[in-house]
Amino acid sequence: MGVQQSESHSYSLRVIGTKRDFVEIAFGIEASELEVELVMPLDAAAEFAARHRARPLEPEPEVRVALVALAGPNGVAALAALVPDDESVRPLGGEGGAA
């Protein structure tokens, strides 16, 4: 059974926490008050966000710091799907570089 993308709904996603190698996300349907919290690996969360074309919402500052640390220098692409476009999500040293 495949996932259907409804043209009448838009989706949002906010990273609300990290636990070990996982991210906690709140996925919402913007036309309703429905929100679901999910826990999954970073790459799976980024794929989920892309598949649903979810609009990333700004995480709390401490969550952003933990997310950037979890992603490391190789996780820039995943971060791009999970937080609004912003230079501050890039790990020190630039894309793929060392700190």
N, C-alpha and C. Protein backbone atom coordinates (compact mmCIF):
# COMPACT_ATOMS: atom_id res chain seq x y z
N MET A 1 0.85 -1.16 0.00
CA MET A 1 0.00 0.00 0.00
C MET A 1 0.90 1.23 0.00
N GLY A 2 0.80 2.05 -1.06
CA GLY A 2 1.66 3.22 -1.19
C GLY A 2 1.09 4.43 -0.47
N VAL A 3 1.97 5.40 -0.25
CA VAL A 3 1.57 6.65 0.37
C VAL A 3 1.13 7.60 -0.73
N GLN A 4 -0.04 8.18 -0.60
CA GLN A 4 -0.53 9.13 -1.58
C GLN A 4 -0.34 10.54 -1.05
N GLN A 5 0.16 11.42 -1.91
CA GLN A 5 0.33 12.82 -1.56
C GLN A 5 -0.95 13.55 -1.96
N SER A 6 -1.64 14.12 -1.03
CA SER A 6 -2.86 14.85 -1.31
C SER A 6 -2.52 16.27 -1.74
N GLU A 7 -3.15 16.71 -2.82
CA GLU A 7 -2.95 18.08 -3.30
C GLU A 7 -3.59 19.10 -2.36
N SER A 8 -4.55 18.66 -1.54
CA SER A 8 -5.26 19.60 -0.68
C SER A 8 -4.58 19.82 0.67
N HIS A 9 -3.52 19.09 0.94
CA HIS A 9 -2.84 19.21 2.22
C HIS A 9 -1.39 19.66 2.01
N SER A 10 -0.90 20.44 2.95
CA SER A 10 0.52 20.72 3.01
C SER A 10 0.99 20.20 4.36
N TYR A 11 2.25 19.82 4.41
CA TYR A 11 2.79 19.18 5.59
C TYR A 11 3.95 19.98 6.17
N SER A 12 4.11 19.87 7.47
CA SER A 12 5.24 20.50 8.15
C SER A 12 5.96 19.47 9.00
N LEU A 13 7.21 19.77 9.29
CA LEU A 13 8.03 18.86 10.08
C LEU A 13 8.94 19.70 10.96
N ARG A 14 9.01 19.34 12.24
CA ARG A 14 9.91 20.03 13.17
C ARG A 14 10.68 18.96 13.95
N VAL A 15 12.00 19.11 13.99
CA VAL A 15 12.81 18.23 14.83
C VAL A 15 12.62 18.71 16.26
N ILE A 16 12.18 17.79 17.13
CA ILE A 16 11.90 18.18 18.52
C ILE A 16 12.89 17.58 19.50
N GLY A 17 13.79 16.72 19.02
CA GLY A 17 14.80 16.16 19.90
C GLY A 17 15.69 15.16 19.19
N THR A 18 16.74 14.75 19.88
CA THR A 18 17.62 13.70 19.40
C THR A 18 17.83 12.72 20.54
N LYS A 19 17.96 11.46 20.20
CA LYS A 19 18.27 10.41 21.17
C LYS A 19 19.24 9.45 20.52
N ARG A 20 20.43 9.37 21.07
CA ARG A 20 21.50 8.54 20.52
C ARG A 20 21.66 8.84 19.03
N ASP A 21 21.38 7.88 18.16
CA ASP A 21 21.53 8.07 16.72
C ASP A 21 20.21 8.38 16.03
N PHE A 22 19.20 8.80 16.78
CA PHE A 22 17.88 9.01 16.23
C PHE A 22 17.43 10.46 16.41
N VAL A 23 16.51 10.87 15.55
CA VAL A 23 15.88 12.18 15.70
C VAL A 23 14.41 11.98 15.99
N GLU A 24 13.87 12.86 16.81
CA GLU A 24 12.44 12.87 17.10
C GLU A 24 11.85 14.01 16.27
N ILE A 25 10.81 13.70 15.50
CA ILE A 25 10.19 14.73 14.67
C ILE A 25 8.70 14.82 14.97
N ALA A 26 8.17 16.02 14.79
CA ALA A 26 6.73 16.25 14.85
C ALA A 26 6.30 16.53 13.42
N PHE A 27 5.47 15.67 12.87
CA PHE A 27 4.98 15.77 11.50
C PHE A 27 3.53 16.20 11.54
N GLY A 28 3.20 17.30 10.88
CA GLY A 28 1.85 17.82 10.95
C GLY A 28 1.21 18.06 9.60
N ILE A 29 -0.11 17.91 9.56
CA ILE A 29 -0.89 18.29 8.40
C ILE A 29 -1.38 19.70 8.70
N GLU A 30 -0.95 20.66 7.89
CA GLU A 30 -1.20 22.06 8.21
C GLU A 30 -2.66 22.46 8.10
N ALA A 31 -3.47 21.73 7.34
CA ALA A 31 -4.89 22.09 7.20
C ALA A 31 -5.72 21.56 8.37
N SER A 32 -5.09 20.84 9.27
CA SER A 32 -5.81 20.31 10.43
C SER A 32 -4.95 20.48 11.67
N GLU A 33 -5.43 20.00 12.77
CA GLU A 33 -4.66 20.07 14.01
C GLU A 33 -3.94 18.75 14.29
N LEU A 34 -3.88 17.89 13.30
CA LEU A 34 -3.25 16.58 13.47
C LEU A 34 -1.73 16.70 13.43
N GLU A 35 -1.08 16.15 14.43
CA GLU A 35 0.37 16.12 14.48
C GLU A 35 0.78 14.77 15.06
N VAL A 36 1.79 14.15 14.46
CA VAL A 36 2.27 12.85 14.89
C VAL A 36 3.75 12.97 15.22
N GLU A 37 4.14 12.41 16.35
CA GLU A 37 5.56 12.39 16.71
C GLU A 37 6.16 11.06 16.31
N LEU A 38 7.31 11.12 15.65
CA LEU A 38 7.99 9.94 15.14
C LEU A 38 9.45 9.96 15.58
N VAL A 39 10.05 8.79 15.70
CA VAL A 39 11.47 8.66 16.02
C VAL A 39 12.08 7.77 14.95
N MET A 40 13.16 8.25 14.32
CA MET A 40 13.81 7.47 13.26
C MET A 40 15.24 7.95 13.07
N PRO A 41 16.06 7.16 12.36
CA PRO A 41 17.42 7.61 12.07
C PRO A 41 17.41 8.89 11.23
N LEU A 42 18.47 9.65 11.31
CA LEU A 42 18.58 10.93 10.62
C LEU A 42 18.28 10.81 9.13
N ASP A 43 18.92 9.89 8.44
CA ASP A 43 18.72 9.75 7.00
C ASP A 43 17.29 9.37 6.66
N ALA A 44 16.68 8.52 7.48
CA ALA A 44 15.28 8.13 7.25
C ALA A 44 14.34 9.32 7.46
N ALA A 45 14.64 10.16 8.43
CA ALA A 45 13.82 11.35 8.67
C ALA A 45 13.92 12.31 7.49
N ALA A 46 15.12 12.47 6.95
CA ALA A 46 15.29 13.35 5.79
C ALA A 46 14.55 12.79 4.58
N GLU A 47 14.61 11.49 4.38
CA GLU A 47 13.89 10.85 3.28
C GLU A 47 12.38 11.00 3.46
N PHE A 48 11.90 10.83 4.69
CA PHE A 48 10.49 10.99 5.01
C PHE A 48 10.03 12.42 4.69
N ALA A 49 10.82 13.40 5.10
CA ALA A 49 10.49 14.81 4.84
C ALA A 49 10.42 15.09 3.35
N ALA A 50 11.38 14.57 2.60
CA ALA A 50 11.40 14.78 1.15
C ALA A 50 10.22 14.09 0.47
N ARG A 51 9.92 12.88 0.88
CA ARG A 51 8.83 12.11 0.27
C ARG A 51 7.49 12.83 0.43
N HIS A 52 7.30 13.47 1.58
CA HIS A 52 6.03 14.16 1.86
C HIS A 52 6.10 15.65 1.53
N ARG A 53 7.24 16.10 1.03
CA ARG A 53 7.46 17.52 0.74
C ARG A 53 7.07 18.39 1.92
N ALA A 54 7.51 17.94 3.09
CA ALA A 54 7.18 18.65 4.34
C ALA A 54 8.01 19.93 4.45
N ARG A 55 7.36 20.99 4.88
CA ARG A 55 8.04 22.27 5.10
C ARG A 55 8.74 22.19 6.45
N PRO A 56 10.07 22.32 6.47
CA PRO A 56 10.77 22.25 7.76
C PRO A 56 10.52 23.50 8.59
N LEU A 57 10.27 23.30 9.87
CA LEU A 57 10.08 24.40 10.81
C LEU A 57 11.30 24.49 11.71
N GLU A 58 11.56 25.66 12.22
CA GLU A 58 12.74 25.91 13.05
C GLU A 58 12.67 25.13 14.36
N PRO A 59 13.71 24.32 14.65
CA PRO A 59 13.75 23.65 15.94
C PRO A 59 14.19 24.62 17.04
N GLU A 60 13.99 24.21 18.28
CA GLU A 60 14.50 25.00 19.40
C GLU A 60 16.03 25.06 19.29
N PRO A 61 16.66 26.14 19.78
CA PRO A 61 18.12 26.28 19.62
C PRO A 61 18.92 25.09 20.14
N GLU A 62 18.57 24.55 21.30
CA GLU A 62 19.34 23.42 21.83
C GLU A 62 19.14 22.15 20.99
N VAL A 63 17.98 22.02 20.38
CA VAL A 63 17.73 20.88 19.49
C VAL A 63 18.53 21.04 18.21
N ARG A 64 18.62 22.26 17.71
CA ARG A 64 19.41 22.53 16.50
C ARG A 64 20.87 22.14 16.73
N VAL A 65 21.42 22.52 17.88
CA VAL A 65 22.81 22.21 18.20
C VAL A 65 23.01 20.69 18.25
N ALA A 66 22.10 19.98 18.91
CA ALA A 66 22.20 18.52 19.01
C ALA A 66 22.05 17.86 17.63
N LEU A 67 21.18 18.41 16.79
CA LEU A 67 20.97 17.86 15.46
C LEU A 67 22.21 18.02 14.59
N VAL A 68 22.82 19.19 14.63
CA VAL A 68 24.04 19.43 13.86
C VAL A 68 25.15 18.49 14.35
N ALA A 69 25.26 18.30 15.66
CA ALA A 69 26.27 17.38 16.20
C ALA A 69 26.00 15.94 15.75
N LEU A 70 24.75 15.52 15.76
CA LEU A 70 24.39 14.17 15.33
C LEU A 70 24.73 13.97 13.85
N ALA A 71 24.45 14.96 13.03
CA ALA A 71 24.67 14.84 11.59
C ALA A 71 26.15 14.80 11.23
N GLY A 72 26.95 15.58 11.94
CA GLY A 72 28.37 15.63 11.63
C GLY A 72 28.62 16.21 10.25
N PRO A 73 29.86 16.18 9.79
CA PRO A 73 30.20 16.80 8.52
C PRO A 73 29.60 16.10 7.31
N ASN A 74 29.21 14.85 7.43
CA ASN A 74 28.65 14.12 6.30
C ASN A 74 27.14 14.19 6.23
N GLY A 75 26.50 14.88 7.18
CA GLY A 75 25.04 14.90 7.23
C GLY A 75 24.41 16.19 6.75
N VAL A 76 25.15 17.00 5.99
CA VAL A 76 24.63 18.29 5.54
C VAL A 76 23.37 18.11 4.69
N ALA A 77 23.34 17.13 3.80
CA ALA A 77 22.17 16.91 2.95
C ALA A 77 20.94 16.56 3.78
N ALA A 78 21.12 15.73 4.79
CA ALA A 78 19.99 15.36 5.66
C ALA A 78 19.50 16.58 6.43
N LEU A 79 20.41 17.40 6.91
CA LEU A 79 20.02 18.61 7.65
C LEU A 79 19.19 19.55 6.77
N ALA A 80 19.53 19.64 5.51
CA ALA A 80 18.82 20.54 4.60
C ALA A 80 17.33 20.19 4.50
N ALA A 81 16.98 18.92 4.65
CA ALA A 81 15.58 18.50 4.58
C ALA A 81 14.85 18.70 5.90
N LEU A 82 15.60 18.87 6.99
CA LEU A 82 14.98 18.88 8.31
C LEU A 82 14.93 20.24 9.00
N VAL A 83 15.66 21.21 8.51
CA VAL A 83 15.64 22.55 9.10
C VAL A 83 15.52 23.57 7.98
N PRO A 84 14.96 24.74 8.26
CA PRO A 84 14.88 25.77 7.22
C PRO A 84 16.26 26.10 6.68
N ASP A 85 16.33 26.51 5.43
CA ASP A 85 17.60 26.84 4.78
C ASP A 85 18.32 27.92 5.57
N ASP A 86 19.50 27.57 6.08
CA ASP A 86 20.23 28.47 6.97
C ASP A 86 21.68 28.02 7.02
N GLU A 87 22.60 28.96 6.94
CA GLU A 87 24.02 28.65 7.01
C GLU A 87 24.42 27.99 8.34
N SER A 88 23.66 28.24 9.41
CA SER A 88 24.08 27.76 10.73
C SER A 88 23.92 26.26 10.90
N VAL A 89 23.31 25.56 9.94
CA VAL A 89 23.21 24.11 10.08
C VAL A 89 24.44 23.40 9.54
N ARG A 90 25.33 24.14 8.88
CA ARG A 90 26.52 23.51 8.33
C ARG A 90 27.54 23.28 9.43
N PRO A 91 28.05 22.06 9.54
CA PRO A 91 29.08 21.80 10.55
C PRO A 91 30.31 22.67 10.30
N LEU A 92 31.10 22.90 11.35
CA LEU A 92 32.34 23.67 11.20
C LEU A 92 33.23 23.04 10.17
N GLY A 93 33.89 23.84 9.41
CA GLY A 93 34.79 23.32 8.38
C GLY A 93 34.13 23.20 7.04
N GLY A 94 32.84 23.55 6.92
CA GLY A 94 32.15 23.52 5.64
C GLY A 94 31.66 22.13 5.30
N GLU A 95 31.13 22.00 4.12
CA GLU A 95 30.54 20.75 3.68
C GLU A 95 31.60 19.68 3.54
N GLY A 96 31.49 18.65 4.38
CA GLY A 96 32.38 17.52 4.32
C GLY A 96 33.78 17.80 4.84
N GLY A 97 34.06 19.03 5.28
CA GLY A 97 35.39 19.38 5.74
C GLY A 97 35.60 19.08 7.21
N ALA A 98 36.82 19.18 7.63
CA ALA A 98 37.15 18.94 9.02
C ALA A 98 37.07 20.24 9.80
N ALA A 99 36.79 20.15 11.07
CA ALA A 99 36.70 21.35 11.92
C ALA A 99 38.07 21.87 12.23
